[in-house]
Full PDB file with SEQRES, HELIX, SHEET, SSBOND, CRYST1, ORIGX, SCALE, CONECT and MASTER records, all heavy atoms in Angstrom:
SEQRES   1 A   36  GLN LEU PHE TYR ILE TYR TYR ALA LEU GLY PRO LEU LEU          
SEQRES   2 A   36  ARG LEU LYS GLY PRO PRO ALA ALA ILE LEU ALA MET SER          
SEQRES   3 A   36  ILE CYS TYR GLY ALA TYR MET ALA GLU ILE                      
HELIX    1 AA1 LEU A    2  PHE A    3  1                                   2    
HELIX    2 AA2 TYR A    4  ALA A    8  3                                   5    
HELIX    3 AA3 GLY A   10  LEU A   13  1                                   4    
HELIX    4 AA4 GLY A   17  GLU A   35  1                                  19    
CRYST1    1.000    1.000    1.000  90.00  90.00  90.00 P 1           1          
ORIGX1      1.000000  0.000000  0.000000        0.00000                         
ORIGX2      0.000000  1.000000  0.000000        0.00000                         
ORIGX3      0.000000  0.000000  1.000000        0.00000                         
SCALE1      1.000000  0.000000  0.000000        0.00000                         
SCALE2      0.000000  1.000000  0.000000        0.00000                         
SCALE3      0.000000  0.000000  1.000000        0.00000                         
ATOM      1  N   GLN A   1      -5.119   5.310  -1.835  1.00  0.00           N  
ATOM      2  CA  GLN A   1      -3.848   4.738  -1.360  1.00  0.00           C  
ATOM      3  C   GLN A   1      -3.206   3.704  -2.312  1.00  0.00           C  
ATOM      4  O   GLN A   1      -1.981   3.622  -2.511  1.00  0.00           O  
ATOM      5  CB  GLN A   1      -4.055   4.071   0.052  1.00  0.00           C  
ATOM      6  CG  GLN A   1      -4.407   5.140   1.131  1.00  0.00           C  
ATOM      7  CD  GLN A   1      -4.659   4.476   2.466  1.00  0.00           C  
ATOM      8  OE1 GLN A   1      -3.858   3.691   2.879  1.00  0.00           O  
ATOM      9  NE2 GLN A   1      -5.713   4.827   3.117  1.00  0.00           N  
ATOM     10  N   LEU A   2      -4.116   2.917  -2.943  1.00  0.00           N  
ATOM     11  CA  LEU A   2      -3.629   1.949  -3.898  1.00  0.00           C  
ATOM     12  C   LEU A   2      -2.947   2.628  -5.099  1.00  0.00           C  
ATOM     13  O   LEU A   2      -1.857   2.213  -5.550  1.00  0.00           O  
ATOM     14  CB  LEU A   2      -4.852   1.118  -4.384  1.00  0.00           C  
ATOM     15  CG  LEU A   2      -5.331   0.006  -3.501  1.00  0.00           C  
ATOM     16  CD1 LEU A   2      -6.648  -0.529  -3.858  1.00  0.00           C  
ATOM     17  CD2 LEU A   2      -4.294  -1.095  -3.258  1.00  0.00           C  
ATOM     18  N   PHE A   3      -3.639   3.651  -5.616  1.00  0.00           N  
ATOM     19  CA  PHE A   3      -3.018   4.459  -6.748  1.00  0.00           C  
ATOM     20  C   PHE A   3      -1.693   5.107  -6.317  1.00  0.00           C  
ATOM     21  O   PHE A   3      -0.735   5.084  -7.087  1.00  0.00           O  
ATOM     22  CB  PHE A   3      -3.986   5.530  -7.160  1.00  0.00           C  
ATOM     23  CG  PHE A   3      -5.046   4.944  -8.181  1.00  0.00           C  
ATOM     24  CD1 PHE A   3      -6.353   5.141  -7.927  1.00  0.00           C  
ATOM     25  CD2 PHE A   3      -4.606   4.299  -9.358  1.00  0.00           C  
ATOM     26  CE1 PHE A   3      -7.302   4.605  -8.869  1.00  0.00           C  
ATOM     27  CE2 PHE A   3      -5.575   3.803 -10.210  1.00  0.00           C  
ATOM     28  CZ  PHE A   3      -6.863   3.959  -9.991  1.00  0.00           C  
ATOM     29  N   TYR A   4      -1.700   5.670  -5.089  1.00  0.00           N  
ATOM     30  CA  TYR A   4      -0.540   6.375  -4.694  1.00  0.00           C  
ATOM     31  C   TYR A   4       0.684   5.453  -4.542  1.00  0.00           C  
ATOM     32  O   TYR A   4       1.831   5.744  -4.994  1.00  0.00           O  
ATOM     33  CB  TYR A   4      -0.746   7.066  -3.335  1.00  0.00           C  
ATOM     34  CG  TYR A   4       0.318   8.042  -2.897  1.00  0.00           C  
ATOM     35  CD1 TYR A   4       0.416   9.348  -3.378  1.00  0.00           C  
ATOM     36  CD2 TYR A   4       1.291   7.646  -2.008  1.00  0.00           C  
ATOM     37  CE1 TYR A   4       1.408  10.142  -3.079  1.00  0.00           C  
ATOM     38  CE2 TYR A   4       2.256   8.467  -1.635  1.00  0.00           C  
ATOM     39  CZ  TYR A   4       2.348   9.806  -2.151  1.00  0.00           C  
ATOM     40  OH  TYR A   4       3.348  10.643  -1.815  1.00  0.00           O  
ATOM     41  N   ILE A   5       0.474   4.291  -3.878  1.00  0.00           N  
ATOM     42  CA  ILE A   5       1.629   3.361  -3.649  1.00  0.00           C  
ATOM     43  C   ILE A   5       2.040   2.745  -4.986  1.00  0.00           C  
ATOM     44  O   ILE A   5       3.262   2.547  -5.214  1.00  0.00           O  
ATOM     45  CB  ILE A   5       1.209   2.351  -2.619  1.00  0.00           C  
ATOM     46  CG1 ILE A   5       1.092   2.959  -1.190  1.00  0.00           C  
ATOM     47  CG2 ILE A   5       2.193   1.167  -2.634  1.00  0.00           C  
ATOM     48  CD1 ILE A   5       0.719   1.989  -0.114  1.00  0.00           C  
ATOM     49  N   TYR A   6       1.092   2.430  -5.875  1.00  0.00           N  
ATOM     50  CA  TYR A   6       1.446   1.723  -7.113  1.00  0.00           C  
ATOM     51  C   TYR A   6       2.032   2.724  -8.145  1.00  0.00           C  
ATOM     52  O   TYR A   6       3.058   2.388  -8.792  1.00  0.00           O  
ATOM     53  CB  TYR A   6       0.245   1.059  -7.639  1.00  0.00           C  
ATOM     54  CG  TYR A   6       0.495   0.236  -8.913  1.00  0.00           C  
ATOM     55  CD1 TYR A   6       1.218  -0.971  -8.830  1.00  0.00           C  
ATOM     56  CD2 TYR A   6       0.021   0.586 -10.131  1.00  0.00           C  
ATOM     57  CE1 TYR A   6       1.494  -1.698  -9.940  1.00  0.00           C  
ATOM     58  CE2 TYR A   6       0.294  -0.107 -11.298  1.00  0.00           C  
ATOM     59  CZ  TYR A   6       1.047  -1.272 -11.173  1.00  0.00           C  
ATOM     60  OH  TYR A   6       1.247  -2.047 -12.291  1.00  0.00           O  
ATOM     61  N   TYR A   7       1.451   3.792  -8.344  1.00  0.00           N  
ATOM     62  CA  TYR A   7       1.866   4.759  -9.375  1.00  0.00           C  
ATOM     63  C   TYR A   7       2.877   5.760  -8.896  1.00  0.00           C  
ATOM     64  O   TYR A   7       3.835   6.102  -9.611  1.00  0.00           O  
ATOM     65  CB  TYR A   7       0.632   5.439 -10.021  1.00  0.00           C  
ATOM     66  CG  TYR A   7      -0.230   4.597 -10.831  1.00  0.00           C  
ATOM     67  CD1 TYR A   7      -1.473   4.116 -10.335  1.00  0.00           C  
ATOM     68  CD2 TYR A   7       0.215   4.074 -12.036  1.00  0.00           C  
ATOM     69  CE1 TYR A   7      -2.286   3.204 -11.077  1.00  0.00           C  
ATOM     70  CE2 TYR A   7      -0.622   3.242 -12.807  1.00  0.00           C  
ATOM     71  CZ  TYR A   7      -1.816   2.826 -12.326  1.00  0.00           C  
ATOM     72  OH  TYR A   7      -2.598   1.963 -13.042  1.00  0.00           O  
ATOM     73  N   ALA A   8       2.644   6.336  -7.719  1.00  0.00           N  
ATOM     74  CA  ALA A   8       3.515   7.377  -7.238  1.00  0.00           C  
ATOM     75  C   ALA A   8       4.814   6.828  -6.567  1.00  0.00           C  
ATOM     76  O   ALA A   8       5.827   7.305  -6.863  1.00  0.00           O  
ATOM     77  CB  ALA A   8       2.800   8.286  -6.236  1.00  0.00           C  
ATOM     78  N   LEU A   9       4.685   5.894  -5.686  1.00  0.00           N  
ATOM     79  CA  LEU A   9       5.792   5.337  -5.045  1.00  0.00           C  
ATOM     80  C   LEU A   9       6.306   4.016  -5.726  1.00  0.00           C  
ATOM     81  O   LEU A   9       7.441   3.588  -5.359  1.00  0.00           O  
ATOM     82  CB  LEU A   9       5.479   4.925  -3.586  1.00  0.00           C  
ATOM     83  CG  LEU A   9       5.011   6.137  -2.754  1.00  0.00           C  
ATOM     84  CD1 LEU A   9       4.717   5.678  -1.280  1.00  0.00           C  
ATOM     85  CD2 LEU A   9       6.078   7.196  -2.673  1.00  0.00           C  
ATOM     86  N   GLY A  10       5.494   3.496  -6.593  1.00  0.00           N  
ATOM     87  CA  GLY A  10       5.943   2.215  -7.272  1.00  0.00           C  
ATOM     88  C   GLY A  10       7.282   2.310  -7.908  1.00  0.00           C  
ATOM     89  O   GLY A  10       8.184   1.392  -7.795  1.00  0.00           O  
ATOM     90  N   PRO A  11       7.540   3.312  -8.750  1.00  0.00           N  
ATOM     91  CA  PRO A  11       8.821   3.408  -9.421  1.00  0.00           C  
ATOM     92  C   PRO A  11      10.028   3.622  -8.438  1.00  0.00           C  
ATOM     93  O   PRO A  11      11.105   3.090  -8.657  1.00  0.00           O  
ATOM     94  CB  PRO A  11       8.727   4.670 -10.289  1.00  0.00           C  
ATOM     95  CG  PRO A  11       7.281   4.775 -10.544  1.00  0.00           C  
ATOM     96  CD  PRO A  11       6.563   4.327  -9.254  1.00  0.00           C  
ATOM     97  N   LEU A  12       9.746   4.240  -7.334  1.00  0.00           N  
ATOM     98  CA  LEU A  12      10.821   4.427  -6.312  1.00  0.00           C  
ATOM     99  C   LEU A  12      11.060   3.160  -5.574  1.00  0.00           C  
ATOM    100  O   LEU A  12      12.205   2.754  -5.237  1.00  0.00           O  
ATOM    101  CB  LEU A  12      10.453   5.567  -5.329  1.00  0.00           C  
ATOM    102  CG  LEU A  12      10.264   6.973  -5.999  1.00  0.00           C  
ATOM    103  CD1 LEU A  12       9.767   7.964  -4.958  1.00  0.00           C  
ATOM    104  CD2 LEU A  12      11.551   7.392  -6.614  1.00  0.00           C  
ATOM    105  N   LEU A  13       9.964   2.498  -5.113  1.00  0.00           N  
ATOM    106  CA  LEU A  13      10.095   1.294  -4.342  1.00  0.00           C  
ATOM    107  C   LEU A  13      10.213  -0.004  -5.179  1.00  0.00           C  
ATOM    108  O   LEU A  13      10.489  -1.098  -4.620  1.00  0.00           O  
ATOM    109  CB  LEU A  13       8.844   1.099  -3.416  1.00  0.00           C  
ATOM    110  CG  LEU A  13       8.580   2.312  -2.410  1.00  0.00           C  
ATOM    111  CD1 LEU A  13       7.293   2.018  -1.642  1.00  0.00           C  
ATOM    112  CD2 LEU A  13       9.798   2.453  -1.505  1.00  0.00           C  
ATOM    113  N   ARG A  14       9.989   0.192  -6.473  1.00  0.00           N  
ATOM    114  CA  ARG A  14      10.044  -0.974  -7.430  1.00  0.00           C  
ATOM    115  C   ARG A  14       9.116  -2.058  -7.017  1.00  0.00           C  
ATOM    116  O   ARG A  14       9.453  -3.226  -6.985  1.00  0.00           O  
ATOM    117  CB  ARG A  14      11.521  -1.516  -7.490  1.00  0.00           C  
ATOM    118  CG  ARG A  14      12.567  -0.521  -8.081  1.00  0.00           C  
ATOM    119  CD  ARG A  14      13.884  -1.138  -8.171  1.00  0.00           C  
ATOM    120  NE  ARG A  14      14.791  -0.120  -8.742  1.00  0.00           N  
ATOM    121  CZ  ARG A  14      16.128  -0.428  -8.949  1.00  0.00           C  
ATOM    122  NH1 ARG A  14      16.604  -1.604  -8.698  1.00  0.00           N  
ATOM    123  NH2 ARG A  14      16.922   0.518  -9.451  1.00  0.00           N  
ATOM    124  N   LEU A  15       7.890  -1.614  -6.835  1.00  0.00           N  
ATOM    125  CA  LEU A  15       6.795  -2.535  -6.402  1.00  0.00           C  
ATOM    126  C   LEU A  15       5.937  -2.885  -7.598  1.00  0.00           C  
ATOM    127  O   LEU A  15       5.536  -1.980  -8.375  1.00  0.00           O  
ATOM    128  CB  LEU A  15       5.910  -1.976  -5.310  1.00  0.00           C  
ATOM    129  CG  LEU A  15       6.575  -1.741  -3.987  1.00  0.00           C  
ATOM    130  CD1 LEU A  15       5.615  -1.083  -3.011  1.00  0.00           C  
ATOM    131  CD2 LEU A  15       7.030  -3.104  -3.370  1.00  0.00           C  
ATOM    132  N   LYS A  16       5.628  -4.140  -7.823  1.00  0.00           N  
ATOM    133  CA  LYS A  16       4.680  -4.567  -8.808  1.00  0.00           C  
ATOM    134  C   LYS A  16       3.266  -4.725  -8.245  1.00  0.00           C  
ATOM    135  O   LYS A  16       3.059  -4.279  -7.069  1.00  0.00           O  
ATOM    136  CB  LYS A  16       5.157  -5.882  -9.445  1.00  0.00           C  
ATOM    137  CG  LYS A  16       6.512  -5.716 -10.167  1.00  0.00           C  
ATOM    138  CD  LYS A  16       6.879  -7.086 -10.818  1.00  0.00           C  
ATOM    139  CE  LYS A  16       8.210  -6.968 -11.534  1.00  0.00           C  
ATOM    140  NZ  LYS A  16       8.601  -8.230 -12.168  1.00  0.00           N  
ATOM    141  N   GLY A  17       2.416  -5.229  -9.054  1.00  0.00           N  
ATOM    142  CA  GLY A  17       1.001  -5.254  -8.586  1.00  0.00           C  
ATOM    143  C   GLY A  17       0.661  -5.819  -7.248  1.00  0.00           C  
ATOM    144  O   GLY A  17       0.219  -5.172  -6.336  1.00  0.00           O  
ATOM    145  N   PRO A  18       0.903  -7.188  -7.059  1.00  0.00           N  
ATOM    146  CA  PRO A  18       0.579  -7.797  -5.788  1.00  0.00           C  
ATOM    147  C   PRO A  18       1.222  -7.211  -4.562  1.00  0.00           C  
ATOM    148  O   PRO A  18       0.573  -6.936  -3.558  1.00  0.00           O  
ATOM    149  CB  PRO A  18       0.932  -9.243  -6.008  1.00  0.00           C  
ATOM    150  CG  PRO A  18       0.886  -9.447  -7.539  1.00  0.00           C  
ATOM    151  CD  PRO A  18       1.344  -8.164  -8.045  1.00  0.00           C  
ATOM    152  N   PRO A  19       2.557  -7.014  -4.618  1.00  0.00           N  
ATOM    153  CA  PRO A  19       3.231  -6.365  -3.484  1.00  0.00           C  
ATOM    154  C   PRO A  19       2.665  -4.980  -3.117  1.00  0.00           C  
ATOM    155  O   PRO A  19       2.489  -4.594  -1.926  1.00  0.00           O  
ATOM    156  CB  PRO A  19       4.662  -6.329  -3.874  1.00  0.00           C  
ATOM    157  CG  PRO A  19       4.839  -7.399  -4.854  1.00  0.00           C  
ATOM    158  CD  PRO A  19       3.615  -7.408  -5.588  1.00  0.00           C  
ATOM    159  N   ALA A  20       2.420  -4.192  -4.156  1.00  0.00           N  
ATOM    160  CA  ALA A  20       1.829  -2.825  -3.940  1.00  0.00           C  
ATOM    161  C   ALA A  20       0.514  -2.945  -3.284  1.00  0.00           C  
ATOM    162  O   ALA A  20       0.110  -2.134  -2.448  1.00  0.00           O  
ATOM    163  CB  ALA A  20       1.791  -2.053  -5.254  1.00  0.00           C  
ATOM    164  N   ALA A  21      -0.341  -3.916  -3.755  1.00  0.00           N  
ATOM    165  CA  ALA A  21      -1.668  -4.036  -3.291  1.00  0.00           C  
ATOM    166  C   ALA A  21      -1.625  -4.454  -1.813  1.00  0.00           C  
ATOM    167  O   ALA A  21      -2.386  -3.887  -0.978  1.00  0.00           O  
ATOM    168  CB  ALA A  21      -2.484  -5.044  -4.113  1.00  0.00           C  
ATOM    169  N   ILE A  22      -0.737  -5.380  -1.455  1.00  0.00           N  
ATOM    170  CA  ILE A  22      -0.631  -5.885  -0.091  1.00  0.00           C  
ATOM    171  C   ILE A  22      -0.154  -4.774   0.850  1.00  0.00           C  
ATOM    172  O   ILE A  22      -0.667  -4.556   1.883  1.00  0.00           O  
ATOM    173  CB  ILE A  22       0.276  -7.113  -0.044  1.00  0.00           C  
ATOM    174  CG1 ILE A  22      -0.385  -8.265  -0.781  1.00  0.00           C  
ATOM    175  CG2 ILE A  22       0.667  -7.491   1.368  1.00  0.00           C  
ATOM    176  CD1 ILE A  22       0.558  -9.470  -0.978  1.00  0.00           C  
ATOM    177  N   LEU A  23       0.834  -3.989   0.321  1.00  0.00           N  
ATOM    178  CA  LEU A  23       1.366  -2.894   1.130  1.00  0.00           C  
ATOM    179  C   LEU A  23       0.252  -1.912   1.431  1.00  0.00           C  
ATOM    180  O   LEU A  23       0.104  -1.399   2.578  1.00  0.00           O  
ATOM    181  CB  LEU A  23       2.486  -2.253   0.427  1.00  0.00           C  
ATOM    182  CG  LEU A  23       3.155  -1.047   1.152  1.00  0.00           C  
ATOM    183  CD1 LEU A  23       3.715  -1.460   2.517  1.00  0.00           C  
ATOM    184  CD2 LEU A  23       4.309  -0.418   0.350  1.00  0.00           C  
ATOM    185  N   ALA A  24      -0.509  -1.493   0.395  1.00  0.00           N  
ATOM    186  CA  ALA A  24      -1.492  -0.442   0.618  1.00  0.00           C  
ATOM    187  C   ALA A  24      -2.594  -0.957   1.514  1.00  0.00           C  
ATOM    188  O   ALA A  24      -3.038  -0.207   2.376  1.00  0.00           O  
ATOM    189  CB  ALA A  24      -2.126  -0.110  -0.794  1.00  0.00           C  
ATOM    190  N   MET A  25      -3.129  -2.154   1.349  1.00  0.00           N  
ATOM    191  CA  MET A  25      -4.185  -2.675   2.172  1.00  0.00           C  
ATOM    192  C   MET A  25      -3.692  -2.900   3.609  1.00  0.00           C  
ATOM    193  O   MET A  25      -4.480  -2.732   4.529  1.00  0.00           O  
ATOM    194  CB  MET A  25      -4.768  -3.959   1.544  1.00  0.00           C  
ATOM    195  CG  MET A  25      -5.560  -3.618   0.265  1.00  0.00           C  
ATOM    196  SD  MET A  25      -6.651  -4.943  -0.219  1.00  0.00           S  
ATOM    197  CE  MET A  25      -5.480  -6.306  -0.469  1.00  0.00           C  
ATOM    198  N   SER A  26      -2.439  -3.287   3.781  1.00  0.00           N  
ATOM    199  CA  SER A  26      -1.836  -3.529   5.085  1.00  0.00           C  
ATOM    200  C   SER A  26      -1.821  -2.152   5.883  1.00  0.00           C  
ATOM    201  O   SER A  26      -2.191  -2.144   7.106  1.00  0.00           O  
ATOM    202  CB  SER A  26      -0.492  -4.190   5.016  1.00  0.00           C  
ATOM    203  OG  SER A  26      -0.584  -5.469   4.447  1.00  0.00           O  
ATOM    204  N   ILE A  27      -1.304  -1.147   5.153  1.00  0.00           N  
ATOM    205  CA  ILE A  27      -1.216   0.196   5.810  1.00  0.00           C  
ATOM    206  C   ILE A  27      -2.656   0.721   6.174  1.00  0.00           C  
ATOM    207  O   ILE A  27      -2.871   1.224   7.256  1.00  0.00           O  
ATOM    208  CB  ILE A  27      -0.392   1.122   4.953  1.00  0.00           C  
ATOM    209  CG1 ILE A  27       1.016   0.702   4.852  1.00  0.00           C  
ATOM    210  CG2 ILE A  27      -0.527   2.576   5.505  1.00  0.00           C  
ATOM    211  CD1 ILE A  27       1.790   1.494   3.856  1.00  0.00           C  
ATOM    212  N   CYS A  28      -3.517   0.612   5.251  1.00  0.00           N  
ATOM    213  CA  CYS A  28      -4.830   1.196   5.372  1.00  0.00           C  
ATOM    214  C   CYS A  28      -5.591   0.418   6.552  1.00  0.00           C  
ATOM    215  O   CYS A  28      -6.097   1.030   7.439  1.00  0.00           O  
ATOM    216  CB  CYS A  28      -5.680   1.014   4.094  1.00  0.00           C  
ATOM    217  SG  CYS A  28      -7.405   1.612   4.238  1.00  0.00           S  
ATOM    218  N   TYR A  29      -5.632  -0.864   6.453  1.00  0.00           N  
ATOM    219  CA  TYR A  29      -6.399  -1.595   7.562  1.00  0.00           C  
ATOM    220  C   TYR A  29      -5.635  -1.677   8.853  1.00  0.00           C  
ATOM    221  O   TYR A  29      -6.183  -1.925   9.879  1.00  0.00           O  
ATOM    222  CB  TYR A  29      -6.717  -3.017   7.077  1.00  0.00           C  
ATOM    223  CG  TYR A  29      -8.050  -2.999   6.297  1.00  0.00           C  
ATOM    224  CD1 TYR A  29      -8.106  -2.633   4.964  1.00  0.00           C  
ATOM    225  CD2 TYR A  29      -9.288  -3.300   6.933  1.00  0.00           C  
ATOM    226  CE1 TYR A  29      -9.261  -2.629   4.202  1.00  0.00           C  
ATOM    227  CE2 TYR A  29     -10.475  -3.276   6.271  1.00  0.00           C  
ATOM    228  CZ  TYR A  29     -10.495  -2.881   4.905  1.00  0.00           C  
ATOM    229  OH  TYR A  29     -11.686  -2.862   4.267  1.00  0.00           O  
ATOM    230  N   GLY A  30      -4.308  -1.400   8.836  1.00  0.00           N  
ATOM    231  CA  GLY A  30      -3.527  -1.377  10.003  1.00  0.00           C  
ATOM    232  C   GLY A  30      -4.035  -0.200  10.936  1.00  0.00           C  
ATOM    233  O   GLY A  30      -3.994  -0.306  12.129  1.00  0.00           O  
ATOM    234  N   ALA A  31      -4.451   0.925  10.296  1.00  0.00           N  
ATOM    235  CA  ALA A  31      -4.980   2.060  10.983  1.00  0.00           C  
ATOM    236  C   ALA A  31      -6.207   1.663  11.721  1.00  0.00           C  
ATOM    237  O   ALA A  31      -6.524   2.041  12.916  1.00  0.00           O  
ATOM    238  CB  ALA A  31      -5.169   3.222  10.076  1.00  0.00           C  
ATOM    239  N   TYR A  32      -7.151   0.931  11.062  1.00  0.00           N  
ATOM    240  CA  TYR A  32      -8.345   0.477  11.686  1.00  0.00           C  
ATOM    241  C   TYR A  32      -8.096  -0.525  12.782  1.00  0.00           C  
ATOM    242  O   TYR A  32      -8.725  -0.547  13.863  1.00  0.00           O  
ATOM    243  CB  TYR A  32      -9.357  -0.049  10.615  1.00  0.00           C  
ATOM    244  CG  TYR A  32      -9.912   0.982   9.749  1.00  0.00           C  
ATOM    245  CD1 TYR A  32      -9.358   1.174   8.432  1.00  0.00           C  
ATOM    246  CD2 TYR A  32     -10.897   1.856  10.081  1.00  0.00           C  
ATOM    247  CE1 TYR A  32      -9.849   2.081   7.593  1.00  0.00           C  
ATOM    248  CE2 TYR A  32     -11.388   2.821   9.202  1.00  0.00           C  
ATOM    249  CZ  TYR A  32     -10.848   2.945   7.954  1.00  0.00           C  
ATOM    250  OH  TYR A  32     -11.295   3.973   7.089  1.00  0.00           O  
ATOM    251  N   MET A  33      -7.193  -1.425  12.556  1.00  0.00           N  
ATOM    252  CA  MET A  33      -6.767  -2.382  13.576  1.00  0.00           C  
ATOM    253  C   MET A  33      -6.186  -1.681  14.733  1.00  0.00           C  
ATOM    254  O   MET A  33      -6.404  -2.208  15.886  1.00  0.00           O  
ATOM    255  CB  MET A  33      -5.755  -3.351  12.966  1.00  0.00           C  
ATOM    256  CG  MET A  33      -6.286  -4.269  11.937  1.00  0.00           C  
ATOM    257  SD  MET A  33      -7.541  -5.423  12.526  1.00  0.00           S  
ATOM    258  CE  MET A  33      -7.944  -6.339  11.019  1.00  0.00           C  
ATOM    259  N   ALA A  34      -5.498  -0.596  14.574  1.00  0.00           N  
ATOM    260  CA  ALA A  34      -4.868   0.069  15.739  1.00  0.00           C  
ATOM    261  C   ALA A  34      -5.995   0.551  16.684  1.00  0.00           C  
ATOM    262  O   ALA A  34      -5.900   0.512  17.889  1.00  0.00           O  
ATOM    263  CB  ALA A  34      -4.080   1.285  15.179  1.00  0.00           C  
ATOM    264  N   GLU A  35      -7.065   1.130  16.120  1.00  0.00           N  
ATOM    265  CA  GLU A  35      -8.168   1.612  16.920  1.00  0.00           C  
ATOM    266  C   GLU A  35      -8.869   0.405  17.656  1.00  0.00           C  
ATOM    267  O   GLU A  35      -9.373   0.586  18.787  1.00  0.00           O  
ATOM    268  CB  GLU A  35      -9.145   2.289  16.067  1.00  0.00           C  
ATOM    269  CG  GLU A  35      -8.644   3.690  15.699  1.00  0.00           C  
ATOM    270  CD  GLU A  35      -8.403   4.609  16.850  1.00  0.00           C  
ATOM    271  OE1 GLU A  35      -9.334   5.205  17.345  1.00  0.00           O  
ATOM    272  OE2 GLU A  35      -7.180   4.672  17.250  1.00  0.00           O  
ATOM    273  N   ILE A  36      -8.928  -0.707  16.990  1.00  0.00           N  
ATOM    274  CA  ILE A  36      -9.503  -1.901  17.629  1.00  0.00           C  
ATOM    275  C   ILE A  36      -8.644  -2.372  18.769  1.00  0.00           C  
ATOM    276  O   ILE A  36      -9.178  -2.627  19.862  1.00  0.00           O  
ATOM    277  CB  ILE A  36      -9.710  -3.027  16.625  1.00  0.00           C  
ATOM    278  CG1 ILE A  36     -10.722  -2.734  15.587  1.00  0.00           C  
ATOM    279  CG2 ILE A  36     -10.107  -4.347  17.339  1.00  0.00           C  
ATOM    280  CD1 ILE A  36     -10.886  -3.661  14.477  1.00  0.00           C  
TER     281      ILE A  36                                                      
MASTER        0    0    0    4    0    0    0    6  280    1    0    3          
END                                                                             
């Protein structure tokens, strides 16, 4: 997910390192939080 958001979607969303990392981890852990 980190690679996909940074390299695949990064040029489209114009995301740099920290914002891309935060977005990827928020989406990933949001799914686990949803189950909690």
